[in-house]
């Protein structure tokens, strides 16, 4: 399947998720059990945007991809800045606020889009471009992070899908633009 088709599928998923957001979040939060609560809360605190930023930087350092680090930083910071601005614009209540779901984690900002999903999928785009061996491991981590956001009642499905589209899409464009510029500069 071509990359274009993946973007269309992601956009369609986002549109459909808006329709079923309420039902999906109520179903997922109804599955809560104590051991999973503990695991998901831990994932929430371990995988902050800053922690993911540091992890990507360390991975690139260990792989001796020094020239790629500034591009990776841009590919992380720009999508997160866009996500932050969208949060300010939308002011969407988090599911635990809107649907009276038990709050397991303390957060204060808006729900749409998910910053965790943005950062994790920006990381996926970076690893897909620079360290292909780790991309599927990171994809698993990104999906786990997305699920934890739903499980904790912090985000709707549309929030995490939008975050993943922003993170992966914008990071991919930044990396591709840099690679194109670098190739022109070499010639």
Protein backbone atom coordinates (compact mmCIF):
# COMPACT_ATOMS: atom_id res chain seq x y z
CA UNK A 1 0.00 0.00 0.00
CA UNK A 2 1.33 3.44 -0.90
CA UNK A 3 2.00 6.08 1.75
CA UNK A 4 -0.80 8.24 0.32
CA UNK A 5 -3.31 5.46 1.02
CA UNK A 6 -2.14 5.24 4.64
CA UNK A 7 -2.80 8.95 5.08
CA UNK A 8 -6.28 8.56 3.59
CA UNK A 9 -6.96 5.62 5.88
CA UNK A 10 -5.77 7.63 8.90
CA UNK A 11 -7.97 10.57 7.93
CA UNK A 12 -10.99 8.30 7.46
CA UNK A 13 -10.26 6.70 10.85
CA UNK A 14 -10.19 10.15 12.42
CA UNK A 15 -13.55 11.09 10.92
CA UNK A 16 -15.17 7.81 12.01
CA UNK A 17 -13.63 8.06 15.48
CA UNK A 18 -15.36 11.40 16.08
CA UNK A 19 -18.69 9.62 15.58
CA UNK A 20 -17.94 6.81 18.05
CA UNK A 21 -15.66 8.60 20.55
CA UNK A 22 -18.09 8.47 23.45
CA UNK A 23 -18.98 4.78 23.05
CA UNK A 24 -15.35 3.71 22.59
CA UNK A 25 -14.04 5.56 25.64
CA UNK A 26 -16.87 4.32 27.84
CA UNK A 27 -16.21 0.74 26.70
CA UNK A 28 -12.45 0.92 27.24
CA UNK A 29 -12.71 2.54 30.66
CA UNK A 30 -15.26 -0.11 31.69
CA UNK A 31 -12.47 -2.70 31.32
CA UNK A 32 -10.35 -1.18 34.10
CA UNK A 33 -8.77 -3.49 36.67
CA UNK A 34 -6.28 -2.59 39.40
CA UNK A 35 -3.17 -4.18 37.87
CA UNK A 36 -3.81 -2.53 34.49
CA UNK A 37 -4.53 0.78 36.22
CA UNK A 38 -1.06 0.64 37.77
CA UNK A 39 0.61 -0.29 34.47
CA UNK A 40 -1.18 2.40 32.47
CA UNK A 41 -0.45 5.07 35.08
CA UNK A 42 3.23 4.07 34.94
CA UNK A 43 3.20 4.28 31.12
CA UNK A 44 1.65 7.75 31.41
CA UNK A 45 4.47 9.05 33.61
CA UNK A 46 7.33 7.22 31.87
CA UNK A 47 6.37 8.29 28.34
CA UNK A 48 5.98 12.04 28.67
CA UNK A 49 6.79 14.16 25.64
CA UNK A 50 10.11 15.13 27.25
CA UNK A 51 11.00 11.50 27.99
CA UNK A 52 10.26 10.52 24.37
CA UNK A 53 12.37 13.46 23.16
CA UNK A 54 15.28 12.30 25.34
CA UNK A 55 14.82 8.66 24.24
CA UNK A 56 14.95 9.56 20.53
CA UNK A 57 18.03 11.71 21.11
CA UNK A 58 19.79 8.91 23.01
CA UNK A 59 18.89 6.33 20.35
CA UNK A 60 20.34 8.57 17.63
CA UNK A 61 23.46 9.22 19.71
CA UNK A 62 24.00 5.49 20.32
CA UNK A 63 23.51 4.81 16.60
CA UNK A 64 26.07 7.56 15.82
CA UNK A 65 23.52 9.49 13.77
CA UNK A 66 24.84 12.84 14.97
CA UNK A 67 23.90 14.88 11.90
CA UNK A 68 20.30 13.67 12.15
CA UNK A 69 19.77 14.88 15.73
CA UNK A 70 18.91 18.52 14.88
CA UNK A 71 16.45 17.32 12.23
CA UNK A 72 14.95 14.87 14.72
CA UNK A 73 14.56 17.68 17.24
CA UNK A 74 12.68 19.78 14.68
CA UNK A 75 10.63 16.73 13.71
CA UNK A 76 9.61 16.40 17.37
CA UNK A 77 9.26 20.04 18.39
CA UNK A 78 7.22 21.35 15.44
CA UNK A 79 4.43 18.73 15.67
CA UNK A 80 4.29 19.21 19.45
CA UNK A 81 4.03 22.98 19.02
CA UNK A 82 1.15 22.49 16.57
CA UNK A 83 -0.52 20.11 19.03
CA UNK A 84 -0.12 22.65 21.83
CA UNK A 85 -1.71 25.37 19.69
CA UNK A 86 -4.60 23.08 18.75
CA UNK A 87 -5.17 22.33 22.44
CA UNK A 88 -5.40 26.07 23.11
CA UNK A 89 -7.84 26.56 20.23
CA UNK A 90 -10.14 23.58 20.82
CA UNK A 91 -10.46 23.51 24.62
CA UNK A 92 -11.97 20.02 24.39
CA UNK A 93 -12.78 18.55 27.78
CA UNK A 94 -11.02 15.33 28.62
CA UNK A 95 -13.26 12.24 28.75
CA UNK A 96 -12.97 11.89 32.53
CA UNK A 97 -14.31 15.47 32.83
CA UNK A 98 -17.03 15.25 30.19
CA UNK A 99 -18.27 11.75 30.98
CA UNK A 100 -17.68 11.57 34.75
CA UNK A 101 -15.15 8.74 34.43
CA UNK A 102 -12.98 8.10 37.48
CA UNK A 103 -9.85 10.23 37.17
CA UNK A 104 -6.69 8.15 37.65
CA UNK A 105 -4.11 10.76 36.58
CA UNK A 106 -3.91 14.49 37.23
CA UNK A 107 -3.86 16.63 34.06
CA UNK A 108 -4.96 20.18 33.42
CA UNK A 109 -4.91 21.01 29.71
CA UNK A 110 -7.22 20.25 26.81
CA UNK A 111 -7.85 16.81 25.33
CA UNK A 112 -7.55 17.40 21.56
CA UNK A 113 -5.10 16.32 20.16
CA UNK A 114 -2.96 13.99 22.27
CA UNK A 115 0.57 15.26 22.87
CA UNK A 116 1.73 11.77 23.87
CA UNK A 117 0.45 10.35 20.56
CA UNK A 118 2.03 13.24 18.65
CA UNK A 119 5.44 12.69 20.25
CA UNK A 120 5.37 8.91 19.95
CA UNK A 121 4.40 8.95 16.27
CA UNK A 122 6.90 11.71 15.51
CA UNK A 123 9.44 9.32 17.04
CA UNK A 124 8.15 6.55 14.82
CA UNK A 125 8.68 8.74 11.74
CA UNK A 126 12.22 9.56 12.87
CA UNK A 127 13.15 5.93 13.47
CA UNK A 128 11.51 4.88 10.21
CA UNK A 129 13.80 7.33 8.43
CA UNK A 130 17.03 6.82 10.36
CA UNK A 131 17.05 3.51 12.26
CA UNK A 132 14.74 1.10 10.52
CA UNK A 133 15.66 -1.80 12.85
CA UNK A 134 13.84 -0.11 15.74
CA UNK A 135 10.78 1.18 13.93
CA UNK A 136 8.45 -1.73 14.76
CA UNK A 137 9.48 -1.78 18.40
CA UNK A 138 8.77 1.95 18.54
CA UNK A 139 5.45 1.46 16.71
CA UNK A 140 4.43 -1.05 19.39
CA UNK A 141 5.39 1.49 22.06
CA UNK A 142 3.42 4.24 20.28
CA UNK A 143 0.30 2.07 20.07
CA UNK A 144 0.68 1.11 23.72
CA UNK A 145 0.94 4.80 24.64
CA UNK A 146 -2.20 5.55 22.60
CA UNK A 147 -4.11 2.78 24.34
CA UNK A 148 -2.95 3.98 27.77
CA UNK A 149 -4.34 7.44 27.00
CA UNK A 150 -7.74 5.90 26.23
CA UNK A 151 -7.65 3.50 29.17
CA UNK A 152 -6.90 6.31 31.61
CA UNK A 153 -9.79 8.38 30.25
CA UNK A 154 -7.43 11.18 29.28
CA UNK A 155 -8.22 11.15 25.57
CA UNK A 156 -10.85 10.10 23.09
CA UNK A 157 -9.90 7.89 20.15
CA UNK A 158 -10.07 10.93 17.85
CA UNK A 159 -7.54 12.73 20.08
CA UNK A 160 -4.93 9.99 19.77
CA UNK A 161 -5.56 9.44 16.06
CA UNK A 162 -5.22 13.19 15.41
CA UNK A 163 -2.02 13.25 17.48
CA UNK A 164 -0.59 10.31 15.56
CA UNK A 165 -1.43 11.93 12.21
CA UNK A 166 0.14 15.23 13.27
CA UNK A 167 3.21 13.54 14.74
CA UNK A 168 3.92 11.14 11.91
CA UNK A 169 2.75 13.37 9.06
CA UNK A 170 4.59 16.55 9.98
CA UNK A 171 7.73 14.74 11.10
CA UNK A 172 7.83 12.80 7.84
CA UNK A 173 7.52 16.02 5.84
CA UNK A 174 10.31 17.69 7.85
CA UNK A 175 12.63 14.70 7.45
CA UNK A 176 11.88 14.32 3.72
CA UNK A 177 12.44 18.06 3.17
CA UNK A 178 15.76 17.93 4.98
CA UNK A 179 16.85 14.84 3.04
CA UNK A 180 15.88 16.50 -0.25
CA UNK A 181 17.77 19.67 0.71
CA UNK A 182 20.83 17.63 1.78
CA UNK A 183 20.92 15.76 -1.55
CA UNK A 184 20.72 19.03 -3.51
CA UNK A 185 23.47 20.52 -1.37
CA UNK A 186 25.75 17.53 -2.06
CA UNK A 187 25.29 17.83 -5.83
